[in-house]
C-alpha atoms as a PDB file:
ATOM      1  CA  MET A   1     -32.635   7.447   3.576  1.00  0.00           C
ATOM      2  CA  MET A   2     -29.230   8.674   4.748  1.00  0.00           C
ATOM      3  CA  VAL A   3     -27.200  10.542   2.115  1.00  0.00           C
ATOM      4  CA  SER A   4     -23.467   9.798   1.988  1.00  0.00           C
ATOM      5  CA  PRO A   5     -21.313  12.832   2.855  1.00  0.00           C
ATOM      6  CA  LEU A   6     -19.344  12.038  -0.315  1.00  0.00           C
ATOM      7  CA  ALA A   7     -22.375  12.108  -2.604  1.00  0.00           C
ATOM      8  CA  GLY A   8     -21.726  14.327  -5.610  1.00  0.00           C
ATOM      9  CA  ARG A   9     -18.075  14.982  -4.788  1.00  0.00           C
ATOM     10  CA  ARG A  10     -15.462  14.550  -7.509  1.00  0.00           C
ATOM     11  CA  VAL A  11     -12.471  12.794  -5.979  1.00  0.00           C
ATOM     12  CA  LEU A  12      -9.040  12.459  -7.598  1.00  0.00           C
ATOM     13  CA  VAL A  13      -7.345   9.118  -6.902  1.00  0.00           C
ATOM     14  CA  THR A  14      -3.584   9.333  -7.417  1.00  0.00           C
ATOM     15  CA  ARG A  15      -2.486   5.740  -6.830  1.00  0.00           C
ATOM     16  CA  ALA A  16      -1.004   3.450  -9.482  1.00  0.00           C
ATOM     17  CA  LEU A  17      -3.679   2.303 -11.907  1.00  0.00           C
ATOM     18  CA  ASP A  18      -4.232  -1.218 -10.569  1.00  0.00           C
ATOM     19  CA  ASP A  19      -4.448   0.070  -6.980  1.00  0.00           C
ATOM     20  CA  ALA A  20      -6.626   3.038  -7.949  1.00  0.00           C
ATOM     21  CA  GLU A  21      -9.370   0.897  -9.451  1.00  0.00           C
ATOM     22  CA  ARG A  22     -10.300  -0.624  -6.084  1.00  0.00           C
ATOM     23  CA  TRP A  23     -10.510   2.801  -4.422  1.00  0.00           C
ATOM     24  CA  ALA A  24     -12.503   4.178  -7.337  1.00  0.00           C
ATOM     25  CA  THR A  25     -15.051   1.390  -6.986  1.00  0.00           C
ATOM     26  CA  ARG A  26     -15.484   2.125  -3.285  1.00  0.00           C
ATOM     27  CA  LEU A  27     -15.859   5.849  -3.876  1.00  0.00           C
ATOM     28  CA  ALA A  28     -18.475   5.312  -6.562  1.00  0.00           C
ATOM     29  CA  ALA A  29     -20.441   3.075  -4.196  1.00  0.00           C
ATOM     30  CA  LEU A  30     -20.513   5.977  -1.730  1.00  0.00           C
ATOM     31  CA  GLY A  31     -21.933   8.345  -4.337  1.00  0.00           C
ATOM     32  CA  ALA A  32     -18.717  10.143  -5.243  1.00  0.00           C
ATOM     33  CA  THR A  33     -17.373  10.504  -8.771  1.00  0.00           C
ATOM     34  CA  PRO A  34     -13.834   9.084  -8.819  1.00  0.00           C
ATOM     35  CA  ILE A  35     -11.306  10.470 -11.284  1.00  0.00           C
ATOM     36  CA  VAL A  36      -8.194   8.313 -11.613  1.00  0.00           C
ATOM     37  CA  LEU A  37      -4.903  10.091 -12.290  1.00  0.00           C
ATOM     38  CA  PRO A  38      -1.975   7.714 -11.593  1.00  0.00           C
ATOM     39  CA  CYS A  39       0.818   9.777 -10.045  1.00  0.00           C
ATOM     40  CA  VAL A  40       3.237   6.950  -9.253  1.00  0.00           C
ATOM     41  CA  VAL A  41       5.067   4.403 -11.352  1.00  0.00           C
ATOM     42  CA  SER A  42       5.821   0.966  -9.920  1.00  0.00           C
ATOM     43  CA  GLU A  43       8.350  -1.429 -11.388  1.00  0.00           C
ATOM     44  CA  PRO A  44      10.126  -4.601 -10.249  1.00  0.00           C
ATOM     45  CA  LEU A  45      13.707  -4.291  -9.075  1.00  0.00           C
ATOM     46  CA  ASP A  46      16.464  -6.110 -10.976  1.00  0.00           C
ATOM     47  CA  PRO A  47      14.991  -9.636 -11.025  1.00  0.00           C
ATOM     48  CA  GLY A  48      18.335 -11.406 -10.736  1.00  0.00           C
ATOM     49  CA  PRO A  49      19.402 -10.132  -7.290  1.00  0.00           C
ATOM     50  CA  ALA A  50      15.788  -9.920  -6.074  1.00  0.00           C
ATOM     51  CA  ARG A  51      15.121 -13.556  -7.030  1.00  0.00           C
ATOM     52  CA  LEU A  52      18.222 -14.767  -5.214  1.00  0.00           C
ATOM     53  CA  ALA A  53      17.519 -12.647  -2.131  1.00  0.00           C
ATOM     54  CA  LEU A  54      13.909 -13.791  -1.847  1.00  0.00           C
ATOM     55  CA  ALA A  55      14.697 -17.466  -2.451  1.00  0.00           C
ATOM     56  CA  GLU A  56      17.401 -17.379   0.225  1.00  0.00           C
ATOM     57  CA  ALA A  57      15.203 -15.497   2.687  1.00  0.00           C
ATOM     58  CA  VAL A  58      12.211 -17.874   2.496  1.00  0.00           C
ATOM     59  CA  ARG A  59      14.311 -21.052   2.564  1.00  0.00           C
ATOM     60  CA  ASP A  60      13.964 -21.472   6.340  1.00  0.00           C
ATOM     61  CA  ALA A  61      11.296 -18.842   7.130  1.00  0.00           C
ATOM     62  CA  ALA A  62       7.946 -19.557   8.762  1.00  0.00           C
ATOM     63  CA  TRP A  63       5.956 -16.847   6.969  1.00  0.00           C
ATOM     64  CA  LEU A  64       6.103 -14.720   3.839  1.00  0.00           C
ATOM     65  CA  ALA A  65       4.265 -11.446   4.579  1.00  0.00           C
ATOM     66  CA  LEU A  66       2.866  -9.460   1.654  1.00  0.00           C
ATOM     67  CA  SER A  67       1.615  -5.890   2.039  1.00  0.00           C
ATOM     68  CA  SER A  68       0.306  -5.194  -1.476  1.00  0.00           C
ATOM     69  CA  ALA A  69      -1.274  -6.976  -4.407  1.00  0.00           C
ATOM     70  CA  ARG A  70       1.620  -5.865  -6.582  1.00  0.00           C
ATOM     71  CA  GLY A  71       4.082  -7.353  -4.112  1.00  0.00           C
ATOM     72  CA  ALA A  72       2.208 -10.646  -4.181  1.00  0.00           C
ATOM     73  CA  LEU A  73       2.388 -10.859  -7.970  1.00  0.00           C
ATOM     74  CA  ILE A  74       6.061  -9.925  -8.138  1.00  0.00           C
ATOM     75  CA  ALA A  75       6.988 -12.308  -5.307  1.00  0.00           C
ATOM     76  CA  ALA A  76       5.213 -15.131  -7.114  1.00  0.00           C
ATOM     77  CA  ALA A  77       7.093 -14.387 -10.322  1.00  0.00           C
ATOM     78  CA  LEU A  78      10.420 -14.326  -8.488  1.00  0.00           C
ATOM     79  CA  LEU A  79       9.764 -17.587  -6.635  1.00  0.00           C
ATOM     80  CA  GLU A  80       8.669 -19.309  -9.866  1.00  0.00           C
ATOM     81  CA  GLY A  81       6.482 -21.763  -7.961  1.00  0.00           C
ATOM     82  CA  ARG A  82       9.317 -22.921  -5.699  1.00  0.00           C
ATOM     83  CA  ILE A  83       7.698 -22.351  -2.307  1.00  0.00           C
ATOM     84  CA  PRO A  84       9.290 -24.203   0.626  1.00  0.00           C
ATOM     85  CA  ALA A  85       6.931 -26.708   2.229  1.00  0.00           C
ATOM     86  CA  GLN A  86       7.019 -25.012   5.641  1.00  0.00           C
ATOM     87  CA  LEU A  87       6.372 -21.498   4.309  1.00  0.00           C
ATOM     88  CA  ARG A  88       2.997 -19.937   4.996  1.00  0.00           C
ATOM     89  CA  ILE A  89       1.616 -16.857   3.254  1.00  0.00           C
ATOM     90  CA  ALA A  90       0.217 -13.809   5.071  1.00  0.00           C
ATOM     91  CA  ALA A  91      -1.545 -10.897   3.374  1.00  0.00           C
ATOM     92  CA  VAL A  92      -2.313  -7.400   4.614  1.00  0.00           C
ATOM     93  CA  GLY A  93      -5.856  -7.294   3.229  1.00  0.00           C
ATOM     94  CA  GLU A  94      -8.324  -9.003   0.950  1.00  0.00           C
ATOM     95  CA  ALA A  95      -7.053  -7.438  -2.294  1.00  0.00           C
ATOM     96  CA  THR A  96      -3.531  -8.606  -1.498  1.00  0.00           C
ATOM     97  CA  ALA A  97      -4.876 -11.980  -0.412  1.00  0.00           C
ATOM     98  CA  GLN A  98      -6.721 -12.479  -3.696  1.00  0.00           C
ATOM     99  CA  ALA A  99      -3.605 -11.618  -5.678  1.00  0.00           C
ATOM    100  CA  ALA A 100      -1.643 -14.110  -3.589  1.00  0.00           C
ATOM    101  CA  ARG A 101      -4.261 -16.827  -4.103  1.00  0.00           C
ATOM    102  CA  ASP A 102      -4.183 -16.252  -7.838  1.00  0.00           C
ATOM    103  CA  ALA A 103      -0.391 -16.132  -8.110  1.00  0.00           C
ATOM    104  CA  LEU A 104       0.830 -18.350  -5.263  1.00  0.00           C
ATOM    105  CA  GLY A 105      -2.097 -20.732  -4.936  1.00  0.00           C
ATOM    106  CA  ARG A 106      -3.029 -20.041  -1.323  1.00  0.00           C
ATOM    107  CA  VAL A 107      -3.126 -17.645   1.612  1.00  0.00           C
ATOM    108  CA  ASP A 108      -2.865 -18.797   5.230  1.00  0.00           C
ATOM    109  CA  LEU A 109      -3.609 -15.523   7.003  1.00  0.00           C
ATOM    110  CA  VAL A 110      -5.408 -12.309   6.079  1.00  0.00           C
ATOM    111  CA  ALA A 111      -4.847  -9.584   8.654  1.00  0.00           C
ATOM    112  CA  ALA A 112      -7.958  -8.584  10.579  1.00  0.00           C
ATOM    113  CA  VAL A 113      -6.641  -4.995  10.586  1.00  0.00           C
ATOM    114  CA  ALA A 114      -5.640  -4.308   6.997  1.00  0.00           C
ATOM    115  CA  THR A 115      -2.407  -2.399   7.616  1.00  0.00           C
ATOM    116  CA  SER A 116       1.246  -3.390   7.691  1.00  0.00           C
ATOM    117  CA  ALA A 117       1.263  -2.840  11.447  1.00  0.00           C
ATOM    118  CA  GLY A 118      -1.873  -4.942  11.879  1.00  0.00           C
ATOM    119  CA  LEU A 119      -0.326  -7.781   9.915  1.00  0.00           C
ATOM    120  CA  GLY A 120       2.858  -7.604  11.957  1.00  0.00           C
ATOM    121  CA  ARG A 121       0.999  -7.641  15.273  1.00  0.00           C
ATOM    122  CA  GLU A 122      -1.121 -10.615  14.239  1.00  0.00           C
ATOM    123  CA  LEU A 123       1.904 -12.603  13.091  1.00  0.00           C
ATOM    124  CA  ALA A 124       3.745 -11.695  16.295  1.00  0.00           C
ATOM    125  CA  GLN A 125       0.862 -12.974  18.388  1.00  0.00           C
ATOM    126  CA  ARG A 126       0.807 -16.267  16.524  1.00  0.00           C
ATOM    127  CA  LEU A 127       4.543 -16.753  16.766  1.00  0.00           C
ATOM    128  CA  THR A 128       4.969 -15.868  20.440  1.00  0.00           C
ATOM    129  CA  THR A 129       2.068 -17.774  22.003  1.00  0.00           C
ATOM    130  CA  GLY A 130       1.799 -21.438  22.851  1.00  0.00           C
ATOM    131  CA  GLY A 131       5.056 -21.598  24.768  1.00  0.00           C
ATOM    132  CA  ALA A 132       7.331 -21.073  21.788  1.00  0.00           C
ATOM    133  CA  THR A 133      10.872 -20.351  23.000  1.00  0.00           C
ATOM    134  CA  GLN A 134      12.394 -19.603  19.605  1.00  0.00           C
ATOM    135  CA  PRO A 135      10.023 -17.675  17.309  1.00  0.00           C
ATOM    136  CA  ARG A 136      10.502 -18.534  13.663  1.00  0.00           C
ATOM    137  CA  ARG A 137      11.420 -15.928  11.100  1.00  0.00           C
ATOM    138  CA  VAL A 138       9.095 -13.793   8.975  1.00  0.00           C
ATOM    139  CA  VAL A 139      10.030 -12.441   5.560  1.00  0.00           C
ATOM    140  CA  PHE A 140       8.435  -9.157   4.460  1.00  0.00           C
ATOM    141  CA  ALA A 141       8.582  -8.725   0.680  1.00  0.00           C
ATOM    142  CA  GLY A 142       7.597  -5.295  -0.579  1.00  0.00           C
ATOM    143  CA  ALA A 143       8.545  -1.920  -1.984  1.00  0.00           C
ATOM    144  CA  LEU A 144      11.937  -0.301  -1.634  1.00  0.00           C
ATOM    145  CA  GLY A 145      11.545   2.343   1.060  1.00  0.00           C
ATOM    146  CA  GLY A 146       8.042   1.106   1.915  1.00  0.00           C
ATOM    147  CA  ARG A 147       6.364   1.209   5.300  1.00  0.00           C
ATOM    148  CA  ASP A 148       8.054  -0.856   8.018  1.00  0.00           C
ATOM    149  CA  GLU A 149       5.503  -0.795  10.849  1.00  0.00           C
ATOM    150  CA  GLY A 150       4.786  -4.507  10.388  1.00  0.00           C
ATOM    151  CA  GLU A 151       8.423  -5.423  10.673  1.00  0.00           C
ATOM    152  CA  GLN A 152       8.820  -3.219  13.726  1.00  0.00           C
ATOM    153  CA  ALA A 153       5.840  -4.870  15.441  1.00  0.00           C
ATOM    154  CA  LEU A 154       7.530  -8.234  14.983  1.00  0.00           C
ATOM    155  CA  ARG A 155      10.891  -6.979  16.209  1.00  0.00           C
ATOM    156  CA  ASP A 156       9.230  -5.478  19.276  1.00  0.00           C
ATOM    157  CA  ALA A 157       7.846  -8.940  20.031  1.00  0.00           C
ATOM    158  CA  GLY A 158      11.242 -10.567  19.566  1.00  0.00           C
ATOM    159  CA  VAL A 159      10.388 -12.238  16.265  1.00  0.00           C
ATOM    160  CA  PRO A 160      13.210 -12.396  13.681  1.00  0.00           C
ATOM    161  CA  VAL A 161      12.376 -10.498  10.495  1.00  0.00           C
ATOM    162  CA  THR A 162      14.005 -10.308   7.090  1.00  0.00           C
ATOM    163  CA  ARG A 163      13.082  -7.537   4.659  1.00  0.00           C
ATOM    164  CA  VAL A 164      13.397  -8.180   0.918  1.00  0.00           C
ATOM    165  CA  ASP A 165      12.737  -5.281  -1.452  1.00  0.00           C
ATOM    166  CA  ILE A 166      11.293  -6.573  -4.724  1.00  0.00           C
ATOM    167  CA  TYR A 167       9.907  -3.449  -6.432  1.00  0.00           C
ATOM    168  CA  ARG A 168      10.106   0.311  -6.330  1.00  0.00           C
ATOM    169  CA  THR A 169       7.509   3.056  -6.565  1.00  0.00           C
ATOM    170  CA  THR A 170       8.568   6.426  -7.935  1.00  0.00           C
ATOM    171  CA  PRO A 171       6.749   9.676  -8.770  1.00  0.00           C
ATOM    172  CA  SER A 172       5.346  10.030 -12.261  1.00  0.00           C
ATOM    173  CA  PRO A 173       7.748  12.076 -14.382  1.00  0.00           C
ATOM    174  CA  ALA A 174       7.067  15.705 -15.212  1.00  0.00           C
ATOM    175  CA  ALA A 175       4.439  16.200 -17.893  1.00  0.00           C
ATOM    176  CA  THR A 176       4.194  19.027 -20.442  1.00  0.00           C
ATOM    177  CA  PRO A 177       1.629  20.423 -20.461  1.00  0.00           C
ATOM    178  CA  LYS A 178       0.355  19.584 -17.019  1.00  0.00           C
ATOM    179  CA  ARG A 179      -3.248  18.478 -16.600  1.00  0.00           C
ATOM    180  CA  ASP A 180      -5.301  21.432 -15.406  1.00  0.00           C
ATOM    181  CA  LEU A 181      -7.539  20.171 -12.618  1.00  0.00           C
ATOM    182  CA  ALA A 182      -9.400  23.486 -12.519  1.00  0.00           C
ATOM    183  CA  LEU A 183     -11.152  22.363 -15.693  1.00  0.00           C
ATOM    184  CA  GLU A 184     -12.439  19.179 -14.038  1.00  0.00           C
ATOM    185  CA  THR A 185     -14.136  20.541 -10.888  1.00  0.00           C
ATOM    186  CA  ILE A 186     -12.143  18.355  -8.510  1.00  0.00           C
ATOM    187  CA  HIS A 187     -13.298  18.612  -4.903  1.00  0.00           C
ATOM    188  CA  ASP A 188     -10.866  16.256  -3.137  1.00  0.00           C
ATOM    189  CA  ILE A 189      -7.460  14.723  -3.865  1.00  0.00           C
ATOM    190  CA  LEU A 190      -6.348  11.517  -2.146  1.00  0.00           C
ATOM    191  CA  LEU A 191      -2.616  11.068  -1.525  1.00  0.00           C
ATOM    192  CA  ALA A 192      -1.441   7.713  -0.186  1.00  0.00           C
ATOM    193  CA  SER A 193       2.335   8.119  -0.374  1.00  0.00           C
ATOM    194  CA  PRO A 194       5.096  10.737  -0.625  1.00  0.00           C
ATOM    195  CA  SER A 195       5.710   9.520  -4.183  1.00  0.00           C
ATOM    196  CA  ALA A 196       2.102  10.309  -5.091  1.00  0.00           C
ATOM    197  CA  ALA A 197       2.470  13.828  -3.720  1.00  0.00           C
ATOM    198  CA  ALA A 198       5.571  14.452  -5.817  1.00  0.00           C
ATOM    199  CA  GLY A 199       4.008  12.829  -8.864  1.00  0.00           C
ATOM    200  CA  LEU A 200       0.861  14.918  -8.551  1.00  0.00           C
ATOM    201  CA  VAL A 201       2.691  18.228  -8.835  1.00  0.00           C
ATOM    202  CA  ASN A 202       4.724  16.773 -11.711  1.00  0.00           C
ATOM    203  CA  VAL A 203       1.671  15.998 -13.824  1.00  0.00           C
ATOM    204  CA  ALA A 204      -1.082  18.387 -12.733  1.00  0.00           C
ATOM    205  CA  ARG A 205      -1.933  21.979 -11.896  1.00  0.00           C
ATOM    206  CA  ILE A 206      -3.882  22.051  -8.632  1.00  0.00           C
ATOM    207  CA  PRO A 207      -6.374  24.897  -8.215  1.00  0.00           C
ATOM    208  CA  ASP A 208      -7.003  26.704  -4.951  1.00  0.00           C
ATOM    209  CA  GLY A 209      -9.843  25.348  -2.861  1.00  0.00           C
ATOM    210  CA  VAL A 210      -9.307  21.662  -3.588  1.00  0.00           C
ATOM    211  CA  ARG A 211      -9.097  19.560  -0.433  1.00  0.00           C
ATOM    212  CA  VAL A 212      -5.945  17.438  -0.173  1.00  0.00           C
ATOM    213  CA  ILE A 213      -6.440  14.344   2.009  1.00  0.00           C
ATOM    214  CA  THR A 214      -3.386  12.326   3.053  1.00  0.00           C
ATOM    215  CA  ILE A 215      -2.980   8.840   4.467  1.00  0.00           C
ATOM    216  CA  GLY A 216      -0.642   9.883   7.276  1.00  0.00           C
ATOM    217  CA  PRO A 217       2.030  12.262   8.590  1.00  0.00           C
ATOM    218  CA  THR A 218       4.845  11.156   6.266  1.00  0.00           C
ATOM    219  CA  THR A 219       2.696  11.817   3.208  1.00  0.00           C
ATOM    220  CA  SER A 220       1.461  15.082   4.716  1.00  0.00           C
ATOM    221  CA  ALA A 221       5.048  16.297   5.194  1.00  0.00           C
ATOM    222  CA  ALA A 222       5.936  15.347   1.624  1.00  0.00           C
ATOM    223  CA  ALA A 223       2.833  17.100   0.273  1.00  0.00           C
ATOM    224  CA  ARG A 224       3.668  20.302   2.135  1.00  0.00           C
ATOM    225  CA  GLU A 225       7.239  20.183   0.804  1.00  0.00           C
ATOM    226  CA  THR A 226       5.830  20.299  -2.728  1.00  0.00           C
ATOM    227  CA  GLY A 227       3.767  23.388  -1.853  1.00  0.00           C
ATOM    228  CA  LEU A 228       0.429  21.629  -1.367  1.00  0.00           C
ATOM    229  CA  THR A 229      -1.888  22.580   1.484  1.00  0.00           C
ATOM    230  CA  VAL A 230      -3.062  19.509   3.406  1.00  0.00           C
ATOM    231  CA  SER A 231      -6.715  19.793   4.379  1.00  0.00           C
ATOM    232  CA  ALA A 232      -7.027  16.596   6.405  1.00  0.00           C
ATOM    233  CA  GLU A 233      -4.917  13.632   7.460  1.00  0.00           C
ATOM    234  CA  ALA A 234      -6.189  10.125   8.155  1.00  0.00           C
ATOM    235  CA  ARG A 235      -5.932   9.041  11.772  1.00  0.00           C
ATOM    236  CA  ARG A 236      -5.443   5.465  10.526  1.00  0.00           C
ATOM    237  CA  PRO A 237      -3.150   4.758   7.531  1.00  0.00           C
ATOM    238  CA  THR A 238      -5.889   3.052   5.512  1.00  0.00           C
ATOM    239  CA  PHE A 239      -8.416   3.943   2.834  1.00  0.00           C
ATOM    240  CA  GLU A 240     -11.125   3.810   5.500  1.00  0.00           C
ATOM    241  CA  GLY A 241      -9.127   6.300   7.525  1.00  0.00           C
ATOM    242  CA  MET A 242      -8.996   8.610   4.531  1.00  0.00           C
ATOM    243  CA  LEU A 243     -12.743   8.303   4.048  1.00  0.00           C
ATOM    244  CA  GLU A 244     -13.231   9.356   7.677  1.00  0.00           C
ATOM    245  CA  ALA A 245     -10.951  12.350   7.132  1.00  0.00           C
ATOM    246  CA  MET A 246     -12.970  13.369   4.086  1.00  0.00           C
ATOM    247  CA  SER A 247     -16.338  13.149   5.813  1.00  0.00           C
END
């Protein structure tokens, strides 16, 4: 029987609590011991302007693209059930898709490659094949300052895109005293955003020898700016990519 390379490792998950639970479940299935320490705080933007912006954007759009479960829930609340008849819903992965099904009632596309870029490429392919001369517009609803690879993939294909920011993610505020991770025998720390890197140093003391695994170069740069040493960086900006970097 093959033993998982993560068996027995204690892994700190720094995502927001609702996102962290899914990663923790996966890590436990691989034999690791997940320790959840939320290092980011997510909150909706001012609902008045966001509601108006989203309603206007989807009025004549072909697709609403959602890149997180949180985004799906907030978008649903802002739309208040008023979804234009022509609008189809696209989700970046199964967790986002399930949130959209629960909150919006349906999902018309789940990206085969569960990244923002993968979702953008798949939508671009659908909207530029079949002889279409005027691709219809896609609305990306997500986090202020969030990843834009999906939007860029659509723009590269000539598909009109509208971005609507509906929530923000910020680092957890400074804690006193900080949580001493040396007392918890942490082997690995997963960082999935620059905000998580900043939040981690705000709330915890990180001992020497702990491996810091990042989801990509932007997060790596942010981690180094806080004084952290990055041990490995995912080649793909996904949880699976981080698992590969850990192994």
